[in-house]
C-alpha cells in the first residue's frame, strides 16, 4: 500500500472517533445555582467512537471518561471547586443496541455548571446533632 494511502487511512480513523471539551464563561448574576455558589462556566464534554464489525475505532466511550476525566478535570483546571447540575447521556451498550456495533457509532456526553464555593470553607454545612432521648424515670 502506498504511504499516502496509509496516512489517509490513519487520519480517517482518528477523525471517526473523537472527543472534545467545550466551555463558556458565564456572568454569575445571569445564572442561579444555589446559595453559597458562584457559577463561573458551563462545561460540555463529548466522546464519539465509530464501530466496524464490533471493533471500536478508537474506543473509550464510557461515562467514567466523560464525567471524571474530561468534565470534572476541565472544570477544576478552570478554577472551579465543584460542578453542579450535571446531565449525562450515553448510547446504551446492551439489548438491541448491540447491533449498532456492526456498523455504527456510540457516544457519551456530559455537561454541568462549574462553580466556586463562596463561603471559603469548601465543605458542606455540618449535619444536625442527633436528637437525645430524655432520661428514663
Protein backbone atom coordinates (compact mmCIF):
# COMPACT_ATOMS: atom_id res chain seq x y z
CA UNK A 1 0.00 0.00 0.00
CA UNK A 2 1.26 3.46 -0.86
CA UNK A 3 2.36 5.68 2.10
CA UNK A 4 -0.20 8.33 1.15
CA UNK A 5 -2.98 5.77 1.42
CA UNK A 6 -1.75 4.71 4.86
CA UNK A 7 -1.63 8.31 6.03
CA UNK A 8 -5.12 8.98 4.67
CA UNK A 9 -6.46 5.85 6.38
CA UNK A 10 -4.89 6.89 9.71
CA UNK A 11 -6.35 10.41 9.51
CA UNK A 12 -9.77 8.98 8.63
CA UNK A 13 -9.72 6.59 11.60
CA UNK A 14 -8.75 9.36 14.01
CA UNK A 15 -11.47 11.64 12.63
CA UNK A 16 -14.13 8.93 13.03
CA UNK A 17 -13.63 8.65 16.78
CA UNK A 18 -13.09 11.85 18.66
CA UNK A 19 -13.57 13.64 21.95
CA UNK A 20 -13.97 17.27 22.86
CA UNK A 21 -14.45 19.52 25.87
CA UNK A 22 -16.04 22.91 25.40
CA UNK A 23 -16.76 25.61 27.92
CA UNK A 24 -18.20 29.07 28.03
CA UNK A 25 -17.67 31.57 30.84
CA UNK A 26 -20.86 32.94 32.40
CA UNK A 27 -21.68 36.02 34.42
CA UNK A 28 -22.64 34.99 37.97
CA UNK A 29 -25.66 37.33 38.06
CA UNK A 30 -27.18 35.64 34.99
CA UNK A 31 -27.20 32.06 36.31
CA UNK A 32 -28.51 30.85 39.68
CA UNK A 33 -27.03 27.62 41.02
CA UNK A 34 -27.78 27.84 44.74
CA UNK A 35 -26.78 29.73 47.87
CA UNK A 36 -23.06 30.00 48.54
CA UNK A 37 -22.13 29.01 44.99
CA UNK A 38 -20.86 31.31 42.24
CA UNK A 39 -21.07 29.96 38.66
CA UNK A 40 -18.01 30.56 36.51
CA UNK A 41 -18.66 28.46 33.37
CA UNK A 42 -20.83 25.89 31.64
CA UNK A 43 -18.77 22.85 30.59
CA UNK A 44 -19.69 20.21 27.99
CA UNK A 45 -17.68 17.03 27.25
CA UNK A 46 -18.37 14.54 24.44
CA UNK A 47 -16.81 11.32 23.15
CA UNK A 48 -17.82 9.53 19.95
CA UNK A 49 -16.48 6.25 18.62
CA UNK A 50 -17.19 4.56 15.30
CA UNK A 51 -17.71 0.77 15.18
CA UNK A 52 -16.86 -1.63 12.37
CA UNK A 53 -17.74 -5.29 12.99
CA UNK A 54 -17.80 -4.83 16.80
CA UNK A 55 -14.37 -3.11 16.83
CA UNK A 56 -14.41 0.42 18.29
CA UNK A 57 -12.33 2.99 16.45
CA UNK A 58 -10.64 4.41 18.60
CA UNK A 59 -12.83 3.38 21.57
CA UNK A 60 -13.09 4.68 25.10
CA UNK A 61 -16.76 5.66 25.21
CA UNK A 62 -17.88 5.43 28.83
CA UNK A 63 -19.30 7.72 31.48
CA UNK A 64 -16.20 7.48 33.68
CA UNK A 65 -14.07 9.01 30.96
CA UNK A 66 -16.58 11.71 30.03
CA UNK A 67 -17.52 12.77 33.57
CA UNK A 68 -14.37 12.22 35.65
CA UNK A 69 -11.51 12.58 33.20
CA UNK A 70 -12.97 15.23 30.93
CA UNK A 71 -15.81 17.27 32.50
CA UNK A 72 -14.58 17.46 36.11
CA UNK A 73 -10.90 17.75 35.16
CA UNK A 74 -11.64 20.63 32.78
CA UNK A 75 -13.73 22.44 35.40
CA UNK A 76 -11.02 22.04 38.05
CA UNK A 77 -8.42 23.37 35.59
CA UNK A 78 -10.59 26.49 35.18
CA UNK A 79 -10.55 27.06 38.95
CA UNK A 80 -13.90 25.54 39.88
CA UNK A 81 -14.43 23.89 43.25
CA UNK A 82 -17.37 21.75 42.08
CA UNK A 83 -19.61 21.02 39.11
CA UNK A 84 -23.37 21.16 39.69
CA UNK A 85 -26.44 20.32 37.59
CA UNK A 86 -24.61 17.55 35.76
CA UNK A 87 -26.51 15.97 32.87
CA UNK A 88 -25.24 12.80 31.16
CA UNK A 89 -26.25 10.85 28.08
CA UNK A 90 -24.74 7.69 26.61
CA UNK A 91 -25.70 5.31 23.83
CA UNK A 92 -26.79 2.07 25.57
CA UNK A 93 -24.39 -0.86 25.46
CA UNK A 94 -26.82 -3.78 25.77
CA UNK A 95 -30.00 -5.21 24.30
CA UNK A 96 -30.87 -4.33 20.72
CA UNK A 97 -28.28 -1.52 20.83
CA UNK A 98 -25.52 -4.15 20.42
CA UNK A 99 -26.43 -4.30 16.72
CA UNK A 100 -25.06 -0.77 16.31
CA UNK A 101 -21.61 -2.23 16.85
CA UNK A 102 -21.73 -3.99 13.48
CA UNK A 103 -21.62 -0.68 11.65
CA UNK A 104 -22.46 2.40 13.64
CA UNK A 105 -21.29 4.62 16.45
CA UNK A 106 -21.54 5.09 20.16
CA UNK A 107 -21.34 8.37 22.01
CA UNK A 108 -21.34 9.72 25.55
CA UNK A 109 -21.69 13.28 26.72
CA UNK A 110 -21.87 15.19 29.98
CA UNK A 111 -22.45 18.83 30.85
CA UNK A 112 -22.65 20.88 34.00
CA UNK A 113 -22.08 24.24 35.62
CA UNK A 114 -18.62 24.84 37.11
CA UNK A 115 -18.95 26.74 40.41
CA UNK A 116 -16.77 28.29 43.10
CA UNK A 117 -17.83 27.95 46.73
CA UNK A 118 -18.13 31.46 48.13
CA UNK A 119 -18.06 30.75 51.87
CA UNK A 120 -14.37 29.85 51.60
CA UNK A 121 -14.62 26.61 53.55
CA UNK A 122 -15.15 24.24 50.62
CA UNK A 123 -17.23 21.97 52.84
CA UNK A 124 -20.85 21.10 53.20
CA UNK A 125 -22.67 22.54 56.24
CA UNK A 126 -22.39 20.34 59.34
CA UNK A 127 -25.06 17.73 59.92
CA UNK A 128 -27.59 18.49 62.64
CA UNK A 129 -26.89 16.92 66.02
CA UNK A 130 -28.81 13.71 66.71
CA UNK A 131 -31.84 14.01 68.93
CA UNK A 132 -31.25 12.96 72.50
CA UNK A 133 -33.73 10.90 74.42
CA UNK A 134 -34.91 12.09 77.83
CA UNK A 135 -33.66 10.01 80.78
CA UNK A 136 -35.97 7.25 81.92
CA UNK A 137 -37.68 7.69 85.31
